[in-house]
PDB file of N, CA and C in Angstrom:
ATOM      1  N   MET A   1     -10.237  45.416 -48.156  1.00  0.00           N
ATOM      2  CA  MET A   1     -10.759  45.444 -46.779  1.00  0.00           C
ATOM      3  C   MET A   1     -12.190  44.903 -46.758  1.00  0.00           C
ATOM      4  N   THR A   2     -13.025  45.428 -47.639  1.00  0.00           N
ATOM      5  CA  THR A   2     -14.420  44.976 -47.687  1.00  0.00           C
ATOM      6  C   THR A   2     -14.496  43.531 -48.149  1.00  0.00           C
ATOM      7  N   LEU A   3     -13.598  43.179 -49.068  1.00  0.00           N
ATOM      8  CA  LEU A   3     -13.590  41.814 -49.587  1.00  0.00           C
ATOM      9  C   LEU A   3     -13.225  40.830 -48.484  1.00  0.00           C
ATOM     10  N   CYS A   4     -12.250  41.195 -47.666  1.00  0.00           N
ATOM     11  CA  CYS A   4     -11.855  40.326 -46.551  1.00  0.00           C
ATOM     12  C   CYS A   4     -13.006  40.174 -45.559  1.00  0.00           C
ATOM     13  N   LEU A   5     -13.694  41.282 -45.308  1.00  0.00           N
ATOM     14  CA  LEU A   5     -14.833  41.244 -44.389  1.00  0.00           C
ATOM     15  C   LEU A   5     -15.940  40.354 -44.938  1.00  0.00           C
ATOM     16  N   PHE A   6     -16.143  40.427 -46.248  1.00  0.00           N
ATOM     17  CA  PHE A   6     -17.164  39.605 -46.885  1.00  0.00           C
ATOM     18  C   PHE A   6     -16.841  38.121 -46.759  1.00  0.00           C
ATOM     19  N   PHE A   7     -15.578  37.762 -47.046  1.00  0.00           N
ATOM     20  CA  PHE A   7     -15.190  36.366 -46.931  1.00  0.00           C
ATOM     21  C   PHE A   7     -15.218  35.894 -45.485  1.00  0.00           C
ATOM     22  N   PHE A   8     -14.938  36.812 -44.565  1.00  0.00           N
ATOM     23  CA  PHE A   8     -15.021  36.475 -43.150  1.00  0.00           C
ATOM     24  C   PHE A   8     -16.464  36.175 -42.755  1.00  0.00           C
ATOM     25  N   CYS A   9     -17.404  36.963 -43.269  1.00  0.00           N
ATOM     26  CA  CYS A   9     -18.826  36.713 -43.002  1.00  0.00           C
ATOM     27  C   CYS A   9     -19.263  35.387 -43.618  1.00  0.00           C
ATOM     28  N   VAL A  10     -18.759  35.092 -44.813  1.00  0.00           N
ATOM     29  CA  VAL A  10     -19.087  33.815 -45.446  1.00  0.00           C
ATOM     30  C   VAL A  10     -18.534  32.663 -44.616  1.00  0.00           C
ATOM     31  N   PHE A  11     -17.308  32.838 -44.121  1.00  0.00           N
ATOM     32  CA  PHE A  11     -16.695  31.811 -43.298  1.00  0.00           C
ATOM     33  C   PHE A  11     -17.498  31.583 -42.025  1.00  0.00           C
ATOM     34  N   LEU A  12     -17.940  32.669 -41.405  1.00  0.00           N
ATOM     35  CA  LEU A  12     -18.736  32.545 -40.183  1.00  0.00           C
ATOM     36  C   LEU A  12     -20.063  31.854 -40.464  1.00  0.00           C
ATOM     37  N   SER A  13     -20.704  32.222 -41.565  1.00  0.00           N
ATOM     38  CA  SER A  13     -21.994  31.602 -41.882  1.00  0.00           C
ATOM     39  C   SER A  13     -21.822  30.122 -42.197  1.00  0.00           C
ATOM     40  N   LEU A  14     -20.681  29.758 -42.789  1.00  0.00           N
ATOM     41  CA  LEU A  14     -20.431  28.347 -43.069  1.00  0.00           C
ATOM     42  C   LEU A  14     -20.082  27.596 -41.788  1.00  0.00           C
ATOM     43  N   GLN A  15     -19.383  28.285 -40.887  1.00  0.00           N
ATOM     44  CA  GLN A  15     -18.998  27.649 -39.626  1.00  0.00           C
ATOM     45  C   GLN A  15     -20.228  27.307 -38.783  1.00  0.00           C
ATOM     46  N   TYR A  16     -21.167  28.260 -38.743  1.00  0.00           N
ATOM     47  CA  TYR A  16     -22.329  28.076 -37.875  1.00  0.00           C
ATOM     48  C   TYR A  16     -23.523  27.464 -38.590  1.00  0.00           C
ATOM     49  N   SER A  17     -23.338  27.026 -39.842  1.00  0.00           N
ATOM     50  CA  SER A  17     -24.454  26.396 -40.542  1.00  0.00           C
ATOM     51  C   SER A  17     -24.679  25.004 -39.972  1.00  0.00           C
ATOM     52  N   SER A  18     -25.861  24.774 -39.468  1.00  0.00           N
ATOM     53  CA  SER A  18     -26.198  23.499 -38.848  1.00  0.00           C
ATOM     54  C   SER A  18     -27.671  23.216 -39.102  1.00  0.00           C
ATOM     55  N   PRO A  19     -28.133  22.016 -38.805  1.00  0.00           N
ATOM     56  CA  PRO A  19     -29.551  21.693 -39.020  1.00  0.00           C
ATOM     57  C   PRO A  19     -30.511  22.549 -38.202  1.00  0.00           C
ATOM     58  N   THR A  20     -30.004  23.196 -37.177  1.00  0.00           N
ATOM     59  CA  THR A  20     -30.884  24.015 -36.349  1.00  0.00           C
ATOM     60  C   THR A  20     -31.404  25.211 -37.144  1.00  0.00           C
ATOM     61  N   GLU A  21     -32.719  25.330 -37.238  1.00  0.00           N
ATOM     62  CA  GLU A  21     -33.291  26.418 -38.025  1.00  0.00           C
ATOM     63  C   GLU A  21     -33.067  27.771 -37.363  1.00  0.00           C
ATOM     64  N   LYS A  22     -32.942  27.788 -36.050  1.00  0.00           N
ATOM     65  CA  LYS A  22     -32.743  29.052 -35.344  1.00  0.00           C
ATOM     66  C   LYS A  22     -31.419  29.685 -35.765  1.00  0.00           C
ATOM     67  N   ILE A  23     -30.373  28.875 -35.851  1.00  0.00           N
ATOM     68  CA  ILE A  23     -29.066  29.396 -36.243  1.00  0.00           C
ATOM     69  C   ILE A  23     -29.086  29.805 -37.716  1.00  0.00           C
ATOM     70  N   ALA A  24     -29.740  29.007 -38.545  1.00  0.00           N
ATOM     71  CA  ALA A  24     -29.786  29.297 -39.970  1.00  0.00           C
ATOM     72  C   ALA A  24     -30.526  30.611 -40.241  1.00  0.00           C
ATOM     73  N   THR A  25     -31.629  30.824 -39.556  1.00  0.00           N
ATOM     74  CA  THR A  25     -32.398  32.047 -39.784  1.00  0.00           C
ATOM     75  C   THR A  25     -31.685  33.268 -39.223  1.00  0.00           C
ATOM     76  N   SER A  26     -30.777  33.077 -38.271  1.00  0.00           N
ATOM     77  CA  SER A  26     -30.071  34.226 -37.703  1.00  0.00           C
ATOM     78  C   SER A  26     -28.836  34.579 -38.525  1.00  0.00           C
ATOM     79  N   THR A  27     -28.232  33.599 -39.207  1.00  0.00           N
ATOM     80  CA  THR A  27     -27.017  33.880 -39.977  1.00  0.00           C
ATOM     81  C   THR A  27     -27.321  34.290 -41.416  1.00  0.00           C
ATOM     82  N   LEU A  28     -28.430  33.814 -41.978  1.00  0.00           N
ATOM     83  CA  LEU A  28     -28.749  34.134 -43.374  1.00  0.00           C
ATOM     84  C   LEU A  28     -28.963  35.634 -43.621  1.00  0.00           C
ATOM     85  N   PRO A  29     -29.746  36.341 -42.796  1.00  0.00           N
ATOM     86  CA  PRO A  29     -29.898  37.782 -43.037  1.00  0.00           C
ATOM     87  C   PRO A  29     -28.568  38.520 -42.939  1.00  0.00           C
ATOM     88  N   VAL A  30     -27.712  38.105 -42.016  1.00  0.00           N
ATOM     89  CA  VAL A  30     -26.405  38.745 -41.871  1.00  0.00           C
ATOM     90  C   VAL A  30     -25.575  38.516 -43.127  1.00  0.00           C
ATOM     91  N   PHE A  31     -25.658  37.306 -43.664  1.00  0.00           N
ATOM     92  CA  PHE A  31     -24.906  36.984 -44.878  1.00  0.00           C
ATOM     93  C   PHE A  31     -25.389  37.818 -46.060  1.00  0.00           C
ATOM     94  N   PHE A  32     -26.708  37.913 -46.231  1.00  0.00           N
ATOM     95  CA  PHE A  32     -27.245  38.679 -47.355  1.00  0.00           C
ATOM     96  C   PHE A  32     -26.979  40.173 -47.184  1.00  0.00           C
ATOM     97  N   TYR A  33     -27.002  40.644 -45.936  1.00  0.00           N
ATOM     98  CA  TYR A  33     -26.709  42.057 -45.684  1.00  0.00           C
ATOM     99  C   TYR A  33     -25.257  42.374 -46.018  1.00  0.00           C
ATOM    100  N   SER A  34     -24.335  41.489 -45.604  1.00  0.00           N
ATOM    101  CA  SER A  34     -22.917  41.712 -45.893  1.00  0.00           C
ATOM    102  C   SER A  34     -22.666  41.632 -47.399  1.00  0.00           C
ATOM    103  N   PHE A  35     -23.361  40.710 -48.080  1.00  0.00           N
ATOM    104  CA  PHE A  35     -23.213  40.593 -49.525  1.00  0.00           C
ATOM    105  C   PHE A  35     -23.746  41.840 -50.231  1.00  0.00           C
ATOM    106  N   GLY A  36     -24.846  42.378 -49.731  1.00  0.00           N
ATOM    107  CA  GLY A  36     -25.421  43.590 -50.324  1.00  0.00           C
ATOM    108  C   GLY A  36     -24.501  44.791 -50.153  1.00  0.00           C
ATOM    109  N   THR A  37     -23.934  44.949 -48.955  1.00  0.00           N
ATOM    110  CA  THR A  37     -23.021  46.060 -48.717  1.00  0.00           C
ATOM    111  C   THR A  37     -21.753  45.893 -49.545  1.00  0.00           C
ATOM    112  N   PHE A  38     -21.314  44.636 -49.718  1.00  0.00           N
ATOM    113  CA  PHE A  38     -20.135  44.378 -50.545  1.00  0.00           C
ATOM    114  C   PHE A  38     -20.390  44.795 -51.995  1.00  0.00           C
ATOM    115  N   LEU A  39     -21.586  44.481 -52.516  1.00  0.00           N
ATOM    116  CA  LEU A  39     -21.916  44.861 -53.888  1.00  0.00           C
ATOM    117  C   LEU A  39     -22.013  46.380 -54.025  1.00  0.00           C
ATOM    118  N   CYS A  40     -22.569  47.040 -53.017  1.00  0.00           N
ATOM    119  CA  CYS A  40     -22.674  48.501 -53.051  1.00  0.00           C
ATOM    120  C   CYS A  40     -21.289  49.133 -53.058  1.00  0.00           C
ATOM    121  N   ASN A  41     -20.398  48.635 -52.190  1.00  0.00           N
ATOM    122  CA  ASN A  41     -19.039  49.165 -52.138  1.00  0.00           C
ATOM    123  C   ASN A  41     -18.300  48.907 -53.445  1.00  0.00           C
ATOM    124  N   LEU A  42     -18.525  47.741 -54.033  1.00  0.00           N
ATOM    125  CA  LEU A  42     -17.871  47.399 -55.287  1.00  0.00           C
ATOM    126  C   LEU A  42     -18.327  48.335 -56.406  1.00  0.00           C
ATOM    127  N   SER A  43     -19.624  48.621 -56.459  1.00  0.00           N
ATOM    128  CA  SER A  43     -20.142  49.508 -57.502  1.00  0.00           C
ATOM    129  C   SER A  43     -19.618  50.931 -57.305  1.00  0.00           C
ATOM    130  N   ILE A  44     -19.488  51.358 -56.041  1.00  0.00           N
ATOM    131  CA  ILE A  44     -18.947  52.688 -55.763  1.00  0.00           C
ATOM    132  C   ILE A  44     -17.492  52.765 -56.215  1.00  0.00           C
ATOM    133  N   HIS A  45     -16.719  51.724 -55.948  1.00  0.00           N
ATOM    134  CA  HIS A  45     -15.324  51.704 -56.375  1.00  0.00           C
ATOM    135  C   HIS A  45     -15.220  51.691 -57.899  1.00  0.00           C
ATOM    136  N   MET A  46     -16.131  50.989 -58.560  1.00  0.00           N
ATOM    137  CA  MET A  46     -16.126  50.952 -60.014  1.00  0.00           C
ATOM    138  C   MET A  46     -16.406  52.337 -60.587  1.00  0.00           C
ATOM    139  N   ILE A  47     -17.316  53.076 -59.952  1.00  0.00           N
ATOM    140  CA  ILE A  47     -17.630  54.432 -60.416  1.00  0.00           C
ATOM    141  C   ILE A  47     -16.410  55.337 -60.240  1.00  0.00           C
ATOM    142  N   TYR A  48     -15.698  55.176 -59.125  1.00  0.00           N
ATOM    143  CA  TYR A  48     -14.510  55.990 -58.892  1.00  0.00           C
ATOM    144  C   TYR A  48     -13.406  55.655 -59.891  1.00  0.00           C
ATOM    145  N   ILE A  49     -13.284  54.381 -60.247  1.00  0.00           N
ATOM    146  CA  ILE A  49     -12.253  53.982 -61.219  1.00  0.00           C
ATOM    147  C   ILE A  49     -12.559  54.566 -62.595  1.00  0.00           C
ATOM    148  N   ILE A  50     -13.825  54.513 -62.980  1.00  0.00           N
ATOM    149  CA  ILE A  50     -14.226  55.057 -64.285  1.00  0.00           C
ATOM    150  C   ILE A  50     -14.164  56.590 -64.244  1.00  0.00           C
TER     151      ILE A  50
END
């Protein structure tokens, strides 16, 4: 579920990536935030597996 959401965020950031700096600065924080939450969820799942 989280992985699908992460790839969806990546897809959105790639879709809206354009030379306009306004769009780039608005999508980059969202991308890094989604990537950070994905890593946190992954580490939590790894702890549960172990």
